[in-house]
């Protein structure tokens, strides 16, 4: 969620966190368990890149994703897709 991420980063700056030395460890943006629609790994990758492009502080050098309870196979496929489509994103 872009609003949540933006508020988190604002709070970090407000509390004097040295952003260039901070590491972000977000969960991968995924459809909810009760979501009736099935999304491809490419759709999920695009959603993750979009959220980061809209909210990620330029001072931070990168993000290290958490699997958030996904299976190893799902997390690996989604991370691979994110890396393939990220372009100049963090």
PDB file of N, CA and C in Angstrom:
ATOM      1  N   UNK A   1       0.840  -1.173   0.000  1.00  0.00           N
ATOM      2  CA  UNK A   1       0.000   0.000   0.000  1.00  0.00           C
ATOM      3  C   UNK A   1       0.889   1.242   0.000  1.00  0.00           C
ATOM      4  N   UNK A   2       0.709   2.074  -0.991  1.00  0.00           N
ATOM      5  CA  UNK A   2       1.547   3.263  -1.160  1.00  0.00           C
ATOM      6  C   UNK A   2       1.418   4.211   0.020  1.00  0.00           C
ATOM      7  N   UNK A   3       0.216   4.422   0.503  1.00  0.00           N
ATOM      8  CA  UNK A   3       0.006   5.348   1.621  1.00  0.00           C
ATOM      9  C   UNK A   3       0.721   4.853   2.879  1.00  0.00           C
ATOM     10  N   UNK A   4       0.638   3.552   3.148  1.00  0.00           N
ATOM     11  CA  UNK A   4       1.304   2.991   4.327  1.00  0.00           C
ATOM     12  C   UNK A   4       2.817   3.148   4.209  1.00  0.00           C
ATOM     13  N   UNK A   5       3.371   2.792   3.055  1.00  0.00           N
ATOM     14  CA  UNK A   5       4.817   2.921   2.857  1.00  0.00           C
ATOM     15  C   UNK A   5       5.271   4.372   2.994  1.00  0.00           C
ATOM     16  N   UNK A   6       4.518   5.282   2.402  1.00  0.00           N
ATOM     17  CA  UNK A   6       4.879   6.699   2.477  1.00  0.00           C
ATOM     18  C   UNK A   6       4.874   7.205   3.917  1.00  0.00           C
ATOM     19  N   UNK A   7       3.873   6.804   4.690  1.00  0.00           N
ATOM     20  CA  UNK A   7       3.809   7.208   6.100  1.00  0.00           C
ATOM     21  C   UNK A   7       4.971   6.629   6.893  1.00  0.00           C
ATOM     22  N   UNK A   8       5.321   5.391   6.594  1.00  0.00           N
ATOM     23  CA  UNK A   8       6.459   4.761   7.268  1.00  0.00           C
ATOM     24  C   UNK A   8       7.744   5.545   7.004  1.00  0.00           C
ATOM     25  N   UNK A   9       7.994   5.879   5.756  1.00  0.00           N
ATOM     26  CA  UNK A   9       9.215   6.601   5.418  1.00  0.00           C
ATOM     27  C   UNK A   9       9.222   8.005   6.012  1.00  0.00           C
ATOM     28  N   UNK A  10       8.087   8.655   6.031  1.00  0.00           N
ATOM     29  CA  UNK A  10       7.992   9.976   6.645  1.00  0.00           C
ATOM     30  C   UNK A  10       8.310   9.888   8.134  1.00  0.00           C
ATOM     31  N   UNK A  11       7.768   8.889   8.816  1.00  0.00           N
ATOM     32  CA  UNK A  11       8.038   8.714  10.245  1.00  0.00           C
ATOM     33  C   UNK A  11       9.524   8.451  10.489  1.00  0.00           C
ATOM     34  N   UNK A  12      10.140   7.688   9.618  1.00  0.00           N
ATOM     35  CA  UNK A  12      11.575   7.413   9.763  1.00  0.00           C
ATOM     36  C   UNK A  12      12.374   8.713   9.666  1.00  0.00           C
ATOM     37  N   UNK A  13      12.061   9.531   8.671  1.00  0.00           N
ATOM     38  CA  UNK A  13      12.753  10.815   8.505  1.00  0.00           C
ATOM     39  C   UNK A  13      12.478  11.714   9.712  1.00  0.00           C
ATOM     40  N   UNK A  14      11.219  11.776  10.142  1.00  0.00           N
ATOM     41  CA  UNK A  14      10.845  12.603  11.294  1.00  0.00           C
ATOM     42  C   UNK A  14      11.590  12.206  12.560  1.00  0.00           C
ATOM     43  N   UNK A  15      11.946  10.926  12.672  1.00  0.00           N
ATOM     44  CA  UNK A  15      12.659  10.442  13.857  1.00  0.00           C
ATOM     45  C   UNK A  15      14.173  10.415  13.669  1.00  0.00           C
ATOM     46  N   UNK A  16      14.635  10.998  12.577  1.00  0.00           N
ATOM     47  CA  UNK A  16      16.072  11.153  12.385  1.00  0.00           C
ATOM     48  C   UNK A  16      16.800   9.922  11.883  1.00  0.00           C
ATOM     49  N   UNK A  17      16.096   8.981  11.292  1.00  0.00           N
ATOM     50  CA  UNK A  17      16.751   7.791  10.750  1.00  0.00           C
ATOM     51  C   UNK A  17      17.634   8.194   9.575  1.00  0.00           C
ATOM     52  N   UNK A  18      18.837   7.699   9.564  1.00  0.00           N
ATOM     53  CA  UNK A  18      19.773   7.941   8.463  1.00  0.00           C
ATOM     54  C   UNK A  18      19.370   7.024   7.309  1.00  0.00           C
ATOM     55  N   UNK A  19      18.610   7.576   6.363  1.00  0.00           N
ATOM     56  CA  UNK A  19      17.992   6.774   5.315  1.00  0.00           C
ATOM     57  C   UNK A  19      19.001   6.073   4.406  1.00  0.00           C
ATOM     58  N   UNK A  20      20.124   6.704   4.133  1.00  0.00           N
ATOM     59  CA  UNK A  20      21.126   6.078   3.272  1.00  0.00           C
ATOM     60  C   UNK A  20      21.741   4.839   3.928  1.00  0.00           C
ATOM     61  N   UNK A  21      21.637   4.738   5.232  1.00  0.00           N
ATOM     62  CA  UNK A  21      22.169   3.582   5.939  1.00  0.00           C
ATOM     63  C   UNK A  21      21.106   2.582   6.356  1.00  0.00           C
ATOM     64  N   UNK A  22      19.866   2.841   5.986  1.00  0.00           N
ATOM     65  CA  UNK A  22      18.763   1.966   6.373  1.00  0.00           C
ATOM     66  C   UNK A  22      18.506   0.904   5.303  1.00  0.00           C
ATOM     67  N   UNK A  23      17.980  -0.221   5.733  1.00  0.00           N
ATOM     68  CA  UNK A  23      17.603  -1.293   4.819  1.00  0.00           C
ATOM     69  C   UNK A  23      16.111  -1.540   4.952  1.00  0.00           C
ATOM     70  N   UNK A  24      15.428  -1.555   3.842  1.00  0.00           N
ATOM     71  CA  UNK A  24      14.002  -1.830   3.837  1.00  0.00           C
ATOM     72  C   UNK A  24      13.783  -3.320   3.641  1.00  0.00           C
ATOM     73  N   UNK A  25      12.892  -3.912   4.451  1.00  0.00           N
ATOM     74  CA  UNK A  25      12.559  -5.328   4.324  1.00  0.00           C
ATOM     75  C   UNK A  25      11.044  -5.486   4.209  1.00  0.00           C
ATOM     76  N   UNK A  26      10.475  -5.122   3.049  1.00  0.00           N
ATOM     77  CA  UNK A  26       9.024  -5.213   2.886  1.00  0.00           C
ATOM     78  C   UNK A  26       8.576  -6.635   2.548  1.00  0.00           C
ATOM     79  N   UNK A  27       7.321  -6.911   2.807  1.00  0.00           N
ATOM     80  CA  UNK A  27       6.715  -8.133   2.293  1.00  0.00           C
ATOM     81  C   UNK A  27       6.393  -7.908   0.820  1.00  0.00           C
ATOM     82  N   UNK A  28       6.362  -8.979   0.063  1.00  0.00           N
ATOM     83  CA  UNK A  28       5.969  -8.887  -1.335  1.00  0.00           C
ATOM     84  C   UNK A  28       4.472  -8.575  -1.383  1.00  0.00           C
ATOM     85  N   UNK A  29       4.091  -7.606  -2.221  1.00  0.00           N
ATOM     86  CA  UNK A  29       2.682  -7.292  -2.422  1.00  0.00           C
ATOM     87  C   UNK A  29       2.045  -8.469  -3.151  1.00  0.00           C
ATOM     88  N   UNK A  30       1.044  -9.071  -2.528  1.00  0.00           N
ATOM     89  CA  UNK A  30       0.356 -10.236  -3.083  1.00  0.00           C
ATOM     90  C   UNK A  30      -1.148 -10.062  -2.971  1.00  0.00           C
ATOM     91  N   UNK A  31      -1.900 -10.794  -3.808  1.00  0.00           N
ATOM     92  CA  UNK A  31      -3.353 -10.784  -3.624  1.00  0.00           C
ATOM     93  C   UNK A  31      -3.689 -11.471  -2.306  1.00  0.00           C
ATOM     94  N   UNK A  32      -4.768 -11.039  -1.675  1.00  0.00           N
ATOM     95  CA  UNK A  32      -5.194 -11.646  -0.421  1.00  0.00           C
ATOM     96  C   UNK A  32      -5.626 -13.093  -0.598  1.00  0.00           C
ATOM     97  N   UNK A  33      -5.640 -13.857   0.495  1.00  0.00           N
ATOM     98  CA  UNK A  33      -6.004 -15.276   0.431  1.00  0.00           C
ATOM     99  C   UNK A  33      -7.405 -15.497  -0.116  1.00  0.00           C
ATOM    100  N   UNK A  34      -8.314 -14.563   0.137  1.00  0.00           N
ATOM    101  CA  UNK A  34      -9.689 -14.701  -0.325  1.00  0.00           C
ATOM    102  C   UNK A  34      -9.943 -14.018  -1.663  1.00  0.00           C
ATOM    103  N   UNK A  35      -8.907 -13.562  -2.314  1.00  0.00           N
ATOM    104  CA  UNK A  35      -9.061 -12.875  -3.605  1.00  0.00           C
ATOM    105  C   UNK A  35      -9.507 -13.887  -4.661  1.00  0.00           C
ATOM    106  N   UNK A  36     -10.621 -13.614  -5.329  1.00  0.00           N
ATOM    107  CA  UNK A  36     -11.122 -14.570  -6.315  1.00  0.00           C
ATOM    108  C   UNK A  36     -10.339 -14.564  -7.631  1.00  0.00           C
ATOM    109  N   UNK A  37      -9.548 -13.521  -7.859  1.00  0.00           N
ATOM    110  CA  UNK A  37      -8.813 -13.403  -9.120  1.00  0.00           C
ATOM    111  C   UNK A  37      -7.413 -13.986  -8.972  1.00  0.00           C
ATOM    112  N   UNK A  38      -6.966 -14.694  -9.988  1.00  0.00           N
ATOM    113  CA  UNK A  38      -5.627 -15.272  -9.998  1.00  0.00           C
ATOM    114  C   UNK A  38      -4.710 -14.329 -10.790  1.00  0.00           C
ATOM    115  N   UNK A  39      -3.621 -13.889 -10.175  1.00  0.00           N
ATOM    116  CA  UNK A  39      -2.688 -12.976 -10.826  1.00  0.00           C
ATOM    117  C   UNK A  39      -1.419 -13.713 -11.211  1.00  0.00           C
ATOM    118  N   UNK A  40      -0.854 -13.336 -12.342  1.00  0.00           N
ATOM    119  CA  UNK A  40       0.407 -13.942 -12.790  1.00  0.00           C
ATOM    120  C   UNK A  40       1.561 -13.370 -11.969  1.00  0.00           C
ATOM    121  N   UNK A  41       2.702 -14.050 -12.015  1.00  0.00           N
ATOM    122  CA  UNK A  41       3.878 -13.529 -11.314  1.00  0.00           C
ATOM    123  C   UNK A  41       4.297 -12.195 -11.914  1.00  0.00           C
ATOM    124  N   UNK A  42       4.046 -12.000 -13.206  1.00  0.00           N
ATOM    125  CA  UNK A  42       4.366 -10.725 -13.847  1.00  0.00           C
ATOM    126  C   UNK A  42       3.462  -9.605 -13.328  1.00  0.00           C
ATOM    127  N   UNK A  43       2.179  -9.904 -13.105  1.00  0.00           N
ATOM    128  CA  UNK A  43       1.258  -8.914 -12.522  1.00  0.00           C
ATOM    129  C   UNK A  43       1.701  -8.532 -11.106  1.00  0.00           C
ATOM    130  N   UNK A  44       2.083  -9.527 -10.339  1.00  0.00           N
ATOM    131  CA  UNK A  44       2.530  -9.289  -8.960  1.00  0.00           C
ATOM    132  C   UNK A  44       3.823  -8.483  -8.962  1.00  0.00           C
ATOM    133  N   UNK A  45       4.730  -8.815  -9.868  1.00  0.00           N
ATOM    134  CA  UNK A  45       5.984  -8.060  -9.979  1.00  0.00           C
ATOM    135  C   UNK A  45       5.712  -6.610 -10.323  1.00  0.00           C
ATOM    136  N   UNK A  46       4.819  -6.376 -11.285  1.00  0.00           N
ATOM    137  CA  UNK A  46       4.492  -5.002 -11.684  1.00  0.00           C
ATOM    138  C   UNK A  46       3.883  -4.221 -10.528  1.00  0.00           C
ATOM    139  N   UNK A  47       3.026  -4.860  -9.731  1.00  0.00           N
ATOM    140  CA  UNK A  47       2.421  -4.196  -8.568  1.00  0.00           C
ATOM    141  C   UNK A  47       3.490  -3.817  -7.543  1.00  0.00           C
ATOM    142  N   UNK A  48       4.445  -4.701  -7.314  1.00  0.00           N
ATOM    143  CA  UNK A  48       5.513  -4.415  -6.361  1.00  0.00           C
ATOM    144  C   UNK A  48       6.395  -3.267  -6.830  1.00  0.00           C
ATOM    145  N   UNK A  49       6.757  -3.271  -8.099  1.00  0.00           N
ATOM    146  CA  UNK A  49       7.582  -2.198  -8.642  1.00  0.00           C
ATOM    147  C   UNK A  49       6.831  -0.873  -8.572  1.00  0.00           C
ATOM    148  N   UNK A  50       5.545  -0.891  -8.872  1.00  0.00           N
ATOM    149  CA  UNK A  50       4.744   0.335  -8.825  1.00  0.00           C
ATOM    150  C   UNK A  50       4.737   0.928  -7.416  1.00  0.00           C
ATOM    151  N   UNK A  51       4.508   0.102  -6.407  1.00  0.00           N
ATOM    152  CA  UNK A  51       4.482   0.597  -5.027  1.00  0.00           C
ATOM    153  C   UNK A  51       5.833   1.209  -4.665  1.00  0.00           C
ATOM    154  N   UNK A  52       6.922   0.539  -5.013  1.00  0.00           N
ATOM    155  CA  UNK A  52       8.245   1.085  -4.694  1.00  0.00           C
ATOM    156  C   UNK A  52       8.528   2.369  -5.461  1.00  0.00           C
ATOM    157  N   UNK A  53       8.151   2.419  -6.726  1.00  0.00           N
ATOM    158  CA  UNK A  53       8.377   3.646  -7.507  1.00  0.00           C
ATOM    159  C   UNK A  53       7.623   4.834  -6.907  1.00  0.00           C
ATOM    160  N   UNK A  54       6.468   4.592  -6.338  1.00  0.00           N
ATOM    161  CA  UNK A  54       5.652   5.668  -5.796  1.00  0.00           C
ATOM    162  C   UNK A  54       6.070   6.107  -4.394  1.00  0.00           C
ATOM    163  N   UNK A  55       6.802   5.265  -3.667  1.00  0.00           N
ATOM    164  CA  UNK A  55       7.046   5.596  -2.261  1.00  0.00           C
ATOM    165  C   UNK A  55       8.475   5.411  -1.774  1.00  0.00           C
ATOM    166  N   UNK A  56       9.316   4.734  -2.499  1.00  0.00           N
ATOM    167  CA  UNK A  56      10.648   4.381  -2.009  1.00  0.00           C
ATOM    168  C   UNK A  56      11.565   5.600  -1.973  1.00  0.00           C
ATOM    169  N   UNK A  57      12.186   5.883  -0.827  1.00  0.00           N
ATOM    170  CA  UNK A  57      13.082   7.039  -0.728  1.00  0.00           C
ATOM    171  C   UNK A  57      14.332   6.849  -1.593  1.00  0.00           C
ATOM    172  N   UNK A  58      14.708   7.877  -2.320  1.00  0.00           N
ATOM    173  CA  UNK A  58      15.877   7.774  -3.193  1.00  0.00           C
ATOM    174  C   UNK A  58      17.164   7.588  -2.401  1.00  0.00           C
ATOM    175  N   UNK A  59      17.178   7.991  -1.144  1.00  0.00           N
ATOM    176  CA  UNK A  59      18.384   7.838  -0.330  1.00  0.00           C
ATOM    177  C   UNK A  59      18.661   6.379   0.021  1.00  0.00           C
ATOM    178  N   UNK A  60      17.635   5.538   0.039  1.00  0.00           N
ATOM    179  CA  UNK A  60      17.820   4.125   0.369  1.00  0.00           C
ATOM    180  C   UNK A  60      18.351   3.385  -0.854  1.00  0.00           C
ATOM    181  N   UNK A  61      19.288   2.507  -0.625  1.00  0.00           N
ATOM    182  CA  UNK A  61      19.983   1.849  -1.736  1.00  0.00           C
ATOM    183  C   UNK A  61      19.263   0.629  -2.288  1.00  0.00           C
ATOM    184  N   UNK A  62      18.354   0.025  -1.531  1.00  0.00           N
ATOM    185  CA  UNK A  62      17.664  -1.167  -2.030  1.00  0.00           C
ATOM    186  C   UNK A  62      16.711  -1.730  -1.003  1.00  0.00           C
ATOM    187  N   UNK A  63      16.030  -2.786  -1.407  1.00  0.00           N
ATOM    188  CA  UNK A  63      15.062  -3.455  -0.546  1.00  0.00           C
ATOM    189  C   UNK A  63      15.359  -4.949  -0.531  1.00  0.00           C
ATOM    190  N   UNK A  64      15.171  -5.566   0.609  1.00  0.00           N
ATOM    191  CA  UNK A  64      15.333  -7.012   0.769  1.00  0.00           C
ATOM    192  C   UNK A  64      13.970  -7.579   1.145  1.00  0.00           C
ATOM    193  N   UNK A  65      13.331  -8.237   0.208  1.00  0.00           N
ATOM    194  CA  UNK A  65      11.970  -8.719   0.425  1.00  0.00           C
ATOM    195  C   UNK A  65      11.899  -9.855   1.433  1.00  0.00           C
ATOM    196  N   UNK A  66      10.804  -9.855   2.204  1.00  0.00           N
ATOM    197  CA  UNK A  66      10.448 -10.967   3.075  1.00  0.00           C
ATOM    198  C   UNK A  66       9.412 -11.809   2.338  1.00  0.00           C
ATOM    199  N   UNK A  67       9.397 -13.098   2.596  1.00  0.00           N
ATOM    200  CA  UNK A  67       8.472 -13.983   1.876  1.00  0.00           C
ATOM    201  C   UNK A  67       7.034 -13.843   2.359  1.00  0.00           C
ATOM    202  N   UNK A  68       6.819 -13.371   3.570  1.00  0.00           N
ATOM    203  CA  UNK A  68       5.463 -13.135   4.070  1.00  0.00           C
ATOM    204  C   UNK A  68       4.583 -14.370   4.106  1.00  0.00           C
ATOM    205  N   UNK A  69       5.138 -15.526   4.421  1.00  0.00           N
ATOM    206  CA  UNK A  69       4.341 -16.735   4.549  1.00  0.00           C
ATOM    207  C   UNK A  69       4.061 -17.460   3.242  1.00  0.00           C
ATOM    208  N   UNK A  70       4.693 -17.034   2.155  1.00  0.00           N
ATOM    209  CA  UNK A  70       4.517 -17.718   0.872  1.00  0.00           C
ATOM    210  C   UNK A  70       5.305 -19.022   0.863  1.00  0.00           C
ATOM    211  N   UNK A  71       4.959 -19.907  -0.049  1.00  0.00           N
ATOM    212  CA  UNK A  71       5.778 -21.096  -0.236  1.00  0.00           C
ATOM    213  C   UNK A  71       7.109 -20.661  -0.848  1.00  0.00           C
ATOM    214  N   UNK A  72       8.114 -21.464  -0.704  1.00  0.00           N
ATOM    215  CA  UNK A  72       9.423 -21.160  -1.283  1.00  0.00           C
ATOM    216  C   UNK A  72       9.311 -21.009  -2.798  1.00  0.00           C
ATOM    217  N   UNK A  73       8.513 -21.862  -3.435  1.00  0.00           N
ATOM    218  CA  UNK A  73       8.354 -21.814  -4.888  1.00  0.00           C
ATOM    219  C   UNK A  73       7.678 -20.510  -5.316  1.00  0.00           C
ATOM    220  N   UNK A  74       6.612 -20.099  -4.620  1.00  0.00           N
ATOM    221  CA  UNK A  74       5.923 -18.850  -4.964  1.00  0.00           C
ATOM    222  C   UNK A  74       6.820 -17.643  -4.748  1.00  0.00           C
ATOM    223  N   UNK A  75       7.501 -17.597  -3.605  1.00  0.00           N
ATOM    224  CA  UNK A  75       8.377 -16.464  -3.307  1.00  0.00           C
ATOM    225  C   UNK A  75       9.501 -16.368  -4.329  1.00  0.00           C
ATOM    226  N   UNK A  76      10.114 -17.492  -4.679  1.00  0.00           N
ATOM    227  CA  UNK A  76      11.215 -17.490  -5.650  1.00  0.00           C
ATOM    228  C   UNK A  76      10.734 -17.029  -7.025  1.00  0.00           C
ATOM    229  N   UNK A  77       9.557 -17.510  -7.448  1.00  0.00           N
ATOM    230  CA  UNK A  77       9.027 -17.118  -8.762  1.00  0.00           C
ATOM    231  C   UNK A  77       8.703 -15.629  -8.781  1.00  0.00           C
ATOM    232  N   UNK A  78       8.125 -15.116  -7.695  1.00  0.00           N
ATOM    233  CA  UNK A  78       7.751 -13.699  -7.642  1.00  0.00           C
ATOM    234  C   UNK A  78       8.977 -12.807  -7.570  1.00  0.00           C
ATOM    235  N   UNK A  79       9.978 -13.194  -6.795  1.00  0.00           N
ATOM    236  CA  UNK A  79      11.219 -12.409  -6.730  1.00  0.00           C
ATOM    237  C   UNK A  79      11.929 -12.401  -8.080  1.00  0.00           C
ATOM    238  N   UNK A  80      11.936 -13.531  -8.746  1.00  0.00           N
ATOM    239  CA  UNK A  80      12.564 -13.609 -10.065  1.00  0.00           C
ATOM    240  C   UNK A  80      11.860 -12.674 -11.045  1.00  0.00           C
ATOM    241  N   UNK A  81      10.533 -12.660 -11.014  1.00  0.00           N
ATOM    242  CA  UNK A  81       9.773 -11.777 -11.907  1.00  0.00           C
ATOM    243  C   UNK A  81      10.029 -10.308 -11.578  1.00  0.00           C
ATOM    244  N   UNK A  82      10.110  -9.977 -10.287  1.00  0.00           N
ATOM    245  CA  UNK A  82      10.414  -8.597  -9.888  1.00  0.00           C
ATOM    246  C   UNK A  82      11.766  -8.179 -10.442  1.00  0.00           C
ATOM    247  N   UNK A  83      12.757  -9.042 -10.307  1.00  0.00           N
ATOM    248  CA  UNK A  83      14.101  -8.721 -10.803  1.00  0.00           C
ATOM    249  C   UNK A  83      14.130  -8.575 -12.314  1.00  0.00           C
ATOM    250  N   UNK A  84      13.294  -9.298 -13.027  1.00  0.00           N
ATOM    251  CA  UNK A  84      13.266  -9.213 -14.492  1.00  0.00           C
ATOM    252  C   UNK A  84      12.627  -7.916 -14.989  1.00  0.00           C
ATOM    253  N   UNK A  85      11.651  -7.372 -14.252  1.00  0.00           N
ATOM    254  CA  UNK A  85      10.937  -6.200 -14.754  1.00  0.00           C
ATOM    255  C   UNK A  85      11.323  -4.903 -14.067  1.00  0.00           C
ATOM    256  N   UNK A  86      12.219  -4.945 -13.102  1.00  0.00           N
ATOM    257  CA  UNK A  86      12.470  -3.760 -12.289  1.00  0.00           C
ATOM    258  C   UNK A  86      13.132  -2.602 -13.028  1.00  0.00           C
ATOM    259  N   UNK A  87      13.866  -2.842 -14.088  1.00  0.00           N
ATOM    260  CA  UNK A  87      14.495  -1.741 -14.818  1.00  0.00           C
ATOM    261  C   UNK A  87      15.384  -0.906 -13.914  1.00  0.00           C
ATOM    262  N   UNK A  88      15.143   0.404 -13.851  1.00  0.00           N
ATOM    263  CA  UNK A  88      15.950   1.299 -13.026  1.00  0.00           C
ATOM    264  C   UNK A  88      15.398   1.472 -11.618  1.00  0.00           C
ATOM    265  N   UNK A  89      14.401   0.689 -11.272  1.00  0.00           N
ATOM    266  CA  UNK A  89      13.793   0.786  -9.937  1.00  0.00           C
ATOM    267  C   UNK A  89      14.769   0.298  -8.880  1.00  0.00           C
ATOM    268  N   UNK A  90      14.470   0.602  -7.605  1.00  0.00           N
ATOM    269  CA  UNK A  90      15.358   0.159  -6.511  1.00  0.00           C
ATOM    270  C   UNK A  90      15.527  -1.332  -6.477  1.00  0.00           C
TER     271      UNK A  90
END
